Amino acid sequence: MLCCSVRRVLPYKKVLTSVCAGVSSKAKHELPELPYKYDALKPAICEEIMELHHKVHHATYVKNLNAAEEKYAEAQAEDNLGAMIALQPALKFNGGGHLNHSIFWTNLSPNGGGDPVGGLMDAIQKDFGDFKSFKKQLTTATVAIQGSGWGWLGYNKVTKGLEIRTTANQDPLQPTTGLVPLLGFDVWEHAYYLQYKSARIDYVNAIYDIVSWANVTERFNAAIGA
């Protein structure tokens, strides 16, 4: 993975103690730098959206995740199981926001677009028929999300196949579905509304012009152990 991981929080005292040992002493999560400038993804995504999305929204998830982990460490030190359980939603939401966006930024590139090649394209053709059908299925599922969420291309290690899934809010794909995230489309309104207004489908279609298939392929190869 190219991003930080979030600990799985379980409602069992011994497991919680083991999993969260050292939380208070570990390095804090940090906002990752983008591999391109804020204006580099134009016209698909304008500079204003990119700056707000990264410097405000993603930064807030990181800040709140660190705060939640500090509170969790305090609760763990006090052996307060109730407080530890109560912090799970904050860890999931902010941790998921950090995970999802850390993937999203690297999924995009000013030199992106076009079609995938090699093993990834072979897998897409096997599981979806062809690239056009894959794009249609991913776009349809993503645009249809009610409220805020993410559309994903993921890899199922059990079936050894590609799958399209959606997740609500900031739910991270792998911890909630078991699928390895390869490509994510953020359809929270802050990701597109300043530029596309209510035309979510136009935003999703524009994303394909900046998808870094090299990054998606790298994730795919790591998932299959190539």
Protein backbone atom coordinates (compact mmCIF):
# COMPACT_ATOMS: atom_id res chain seq x y z
CA MET A 1 0.00 0.00 0.00
CA LEU A 2 1.09 3.59 -0.65
CA CYS A 3 -0.62 4.97 2.40
CA CYS A 4 -0.78 4.70 6.14
CA SER A 5 -2.81 1.93 7.76
CA VAL A 6 -5.44 2.27 10.45
CA ARG A 7 -5.55 -0.25 13.29
CA ARG A 8 -8.58 -2.46 13.51
CA VAL A 9 -10.35 -1.77 16.78
CA LEU A 10 -12.01 -4.80 18.37
CA PRO A 11 -14.24 -4.84 21.46
CA TYR A 12 -12.09 -7.30 23.40
CA LYS A 13 -9.85 -5.96 26.14
CA LYS A 14 -6.84 -8.19 25.54
CA VAL A 15 -6.90 -7.65 21.80
CA LEU A 16 -7.35 -3.92 22.24
CA THR A 17 -4.41 -3.75 24.58
CA SER A 18 -2.24 -5.66 22.12
CA VAL A 19 -3.32 -3.83 19.00
CA CYS A 20 -3.04 -0.36 20.49
CA ALA A 21 0.14 -0.79 22.48
CA GLY A 22 2.41 2.08 21.69
CA VAL A 23 -0.26 4.33 20.15
CA SER A 24 0.79 7.27 22.28
CA SER A 25 4.45 6.93 21.31
CA LYS A 26 4.10 6.25 17.58
CA ALA A 27 4.58 8.87 14.91
CA LYS A 28 1.50 10.88 14.05
CA HIS A 29 -0.18 10.54 10.68
CA GLU A 30 0.78 13.29 8.26
CA LEU A 31 -0.87 14.86 5.26
CA PRO A 32 0.93 13.39 2.23
CA GLU A 33 2.34 15.76 -0.35
CA LEU A 34 0.73 15.59 -3.76
CA PRO A 35 2.93 14.27 -6.60
CA TYR A 36 1.80 17.22 -8.76
CA LYS A 37 0.74 20.85 -8.38
CA TYR A 38 -2.79 21.86 -7.51
CA ASP A 39 -3.41 23.13 -11.03
CA ALA A 40 -1.89 20.10 -12.76
CA LEU A 41 -5.14 18.16 -13.23
CA LYS A 42 -6.97 20.88 -15.14
CA PRO A 43 -9.38 20.84 -16.89
CA ALA A 44 -10.65 17.64 -15.24
CA ILE A 45 -10.29 19.10 -11.73
CA CYS A 46 -9.69 22.80 -11.17
CA GLU A 47 -6.99 24.23 -8.93
CA GLU A 48 -9.43 25.60 -6.34
CA ILE A 49 -11.02 22.21 -5.77
CA MET A 50 -7.69 20.45 -5.50
CA GLU A 51 -6.32 22.92 -2.96
CA LEU A 52 -9.43 22.84 -0.79
CA HIS A 53 -9.75 19.07 -1.08
CA HIS A 54 -6.17 18.42 -0.07
CA LYS A 55 -5.26 21.28 2.32
CA VAL A 56 -8.63 21.48 4.08
CA HIS A 57 -10.60 18.23 3.79
CA HIS A 58 -7.82 15.65 3.80
CA ALA A 59 -5.88 17.66 6.37
CA THR A 60 -8.93 17.63 8.64
CA TYR A 61 -9.19 13.84 8.45
CA VAL A 62 -5.53 13.57 9.42
CA LYS A 63 -5.92 16.01 12.31
CA ASN A 64 -9.02 14.28 13.65
CA LEU A 65 -7.49 10.83 13.24
CA ASN A 66 -4.48 11.83 15.33
CA ALA A 67 -6.78 13.32 17.97
CA ALA A 68 -8.91 10.16 18.08
CA GLU A 69 -5.83 7.96 18.45
CA GLU A 70 -4.56 10.11 21.31
CA LYS A 71 -7.91 9.78 23.08
CA TYR A 72 -7.86 6.07 22.41
CA ALA A 73 -4.43 5.75 24.00
CA GLU A 74 -5.70 7.61 27.07
CA ALA A 75 -8.74 5.36 27.30
CA GLN A 76 -6.56 2.28 26.91
CA ALA A 77 -4.20 3.49 29.63
CA GLU A 78 -7.21 3.98 31.92
CA ASP A 79 -8.54 0.54 30.98
CA ASN A 80 -11.76 2.27 29.84
CA LEU A 81 -13.25 -0.24 27.42
CA GLY A 82 -16.42 1.79 26.93
CA ALA A 83 -14.44 4.84 25.82
CA MET A 84 -12.36 2.73 23.46
CA ILE A 85 -15.46 1.34 21.80
CA ALA A 86 -17.04 4.80 21.61
CA LEU A 87 -14.03 6.04 19.64
CA GLN A 88 -14.40 3.43 16.90
CA PRO A 89 -16.63 5.60 14.64
CA ALA A 90 -14.14 8.47 14.74
CA LEU A 91 -11.26 6.12 13.95
CA LYS A 92 -13.19 4.54 11.08
CA PHE A 93 -14.39 7.81 9.56
CA ASN A 94 -11.19 9.82 9.84
CA GLY A 95 -8.91 6.85 9.29
CA GLY A 96 -10.95 5.90 6.24
CA GLY A 97 -10.80 9.46 4.96
CA HIS A 98 -7.02 9.41 5.29
CA LEU A 99 -6.68 6.00 3.64
CA ASN A 100 -9.08 6.78 0.79
CA HIS A 101 -7.57 10.13 -0.11
CA SER A 102 -4.02 8.82 0.10
CA ILE A 103 -5.01 6.31 -2.59
CA PHE A 104 -7.04 8.83 -4.61
CA TRP A 105 -4.20 11.33 -5.05
CA THR A 106 -1.85 8.68 -6.43
CA ASN A 107 -4.59 7.25 -8.68
CA LEU A 108 -4.54 10.56 -10.55
CA SER A 109 -1.91 12.07 -12.81
CA PRO A 110 -1.62 14.99 -15.24
CA ASN A 111 -0.17 12.39 -17.61
CA GLY A 112 -3.01 9.95 -17.02
CA GLY A 113 -5.89 8.78 -19.14
CA GLY A 114 -5.95 6.34 -22.03
CA ASP A 115 -6.34 2.60 -21.49
CA PRO A 116 -4.59 0.21 -19.12
CA VAL A 117 -2.27 -2.39 -20.62
CA GLY A 118 -0.77 -5.75 -19.80
CA GLY A 119 -2.07 -7.95 -17.02
CA LEU A 120 -4.49 -5.33 -15.72
CA MET A 121 -6.19 -5.01 -19.09
CA ASP A 122 -6.32 -8.80 -19.39
CA ALA A 123 -8.04 -8.98 -16.00
CA ILE A 124 -10.51 -6.24 -16.95
CA GLN A 125 -11.41 -8.06 -20.15
CA LYS A 126 -11.82 -11.33 -18.27
CA ASP A 127 -14.06 -9.93 -15.57
CA PHE A 128 -15.98 -7.23 -17.45
CA GLY A 129 -15.84 -8.24 -21.10
CA ASP A 130 -13.96 -5.19 -22.33
CA PHE A 131 -12.67 -1.83 -21.12
CA LYS A 132 -15.76 0.04 -22.35
CA SER A 133 -18.05 -2.25 -20.34
CA PHE A 134 -15.85 -1.85 -17.28
CA LYS A 135 -16.02 1.96 -17.47
CA LYS A 136 -19.79 1.86 -17.91
CA GLN A 137 -20.27 -0.39 -14.88
CA LEU A 138 -17.93 1.62 -12.65
CA THR A 139 -19.45 4.93 -13.75
CA THR A 140 -23.03 3.71 -13.26
CA ALA A 141 -22.31 2.37 -9.77
CA THR A 142 -20.39 5.48 -8.72
CA VAL A 143 -22.88 8.04 -10.00
CA ALA A 144 -25.74 6.14 -8.32
CA ILE A 145 -24.26 6.47 -4.81
CA GLN A 146 -26.82 8.14 -2.56
CA GLY A 147 -25.25 10.99 -0.64
CA SER A 148 -21.48 10.85 -0.18
CA GLY A 149 -19.15 7.95 -0.83
CA TRP A 150 -16.66 6.26 -3.13
CA GLY A 151 -16.76 4.11 -6.24
CA TRP A 152 -14.04 1.45 -6.37
CA LEU A 153 -12.29 -1.05 -8.55
CA GLY A 154 -10.97 -3.68 -6.17
CA TYR A 155 -9.23 -7.04 -6.29
CA ASN A 156 -10.69 -10.08 -4.56
CA LYS A 157 -7.86 -12.30 -3.33
CA VAL A 158 -10.25 -15.19 -2.73
CA THR A 159 -11.80 -15.32 -6.20
CA LYS A 160 -8.70 -13.80 -7.83
CA GLY A 161 -10.88 -11.41 -9.77
CA LEU A 162 -11.69 -7.72 -10.13
CA GLU A 163 -14.86 -6.31 -8.61
CA ILE A 164 -16.67 -2.97 -8.61
CA ARG A 165 -17.95 -1.83 -5.23
CA THR A 166 -19.17 1.36 -3.60
CA THR A 167 -18.62 2.47 -0.02
CA ALA A 168 -20.58 5.03 1.95
CA ASN A 169 -19.08 8.15 3.49
CA GLN A 170 -15.38 7.48 4.19
CA ASP A 171 -15.64 3.73 4.72
CA PRO A 172 -12.31 2.26 3.51
CA LEU A 173 -12.64 -0.54 0.97
CA GLN A 174 -10.36 -3.27 2.28
CA PRO A 175 -11.29 -3.13 5.99
CA THR A 176 -15.02 -3.11 5.17
CA THR A 177 -15.21 -5.48 2.18
CA GLY A 178 -11.93 -7.38 2.04
CA LEU A 179 -11.20 -6.13 -1.48
CA VAL A 180 -7.80 -4.62 -2.20
CA PRO A 181 -8.36 -1.05 -3.48
CA LEU A 182 -6.94 -0.40 -6.93
CA LEU A 183 -8.83 2.68 -8.15
CA GLY A 184 -11.16 4.98 -6.21
CA PHE A 185 -13.51 7.74 -7.32
CA ASP A 186 -14.38 10.28 -4.63
CA VAL A 187 -17.96 11.49 -5.08
CA TRP A 188 -18.30 13.63 -1.99
CA GLU A 189 -19.63 16.99 -3.17
CA HIS A 190 -16.49 18.81 -2.06
CA ALA A 191 -14.60 16.78 -4.69
CA TYR A 192 -16.49 18.29 -7.62
CA TYR A 193 -19.32 20.70 -6.80
CA LEU A 194 -17.43 23.98 -7.29
CA GLN A 195 -16.74 22.97 -10.87
CA TYR A 196 -19.45 20.52 -11.92
CA LYS A 197 -22.36 21.58 -9.68
CA SER A 198 -24.90 18.71 -9.63
CA ALA A 199 -23.52 17.01 -12.76
CA ARG A 200 -21.76 14.20 -10.94
CA ILE A 201 -21.62 12.06 -14.08
CA ASP A 202 -19.62 14.75 -15.90
CA TYR A 203 -17.09 14.78 -13.07
CA VAL A 204 -16.79 10.99 -13.03
CA ASN A 205 -16.33 10.87 -16.81
CA ALA A 206 -13.65 13.56 -16.58
CA ILE A 207 -11.71 11.54 -14.00
CA TYR A 208 -10.94 8.87 -16.60
CA ASP A 209 -8.86 11.48 -18.46
CA ILE A 210 -6.48 11.74 -15.50
CA VAL A 211 -6.43 8.18 -14.12
CA SER A 212 -2.87 6.97 -13.65
CA TRP A 213 -3.18 3.44 -15.00
CA ALA A 214 0.47 2.96 -14.10
CA ASN A 215 -0.46 3.44 -10.44
CA VAL A 216 -3.52 1.19 -10.72
CA THR A 217 -1.36 -1.45 -12.40
CA GLU A 218 1.22 -1.19 -9.62
CA ARG A 219 -1.51 -1.79 -7.06
CA PHE A 220 -2.91 -4.68 -9.11
CA ASN A 221 0.51 -6.36 -9.41
CA ALA A 222 1.07 -5.98 -5.67
CA ALA A 223 -2.36 -7.49 -4.95
CA ILE A 224 -1.77 -10.57 -7.12
CA GLY A 225 1.79 -10.95 -5.87
CA ALA A 226 3.37 -10.37 -9.27
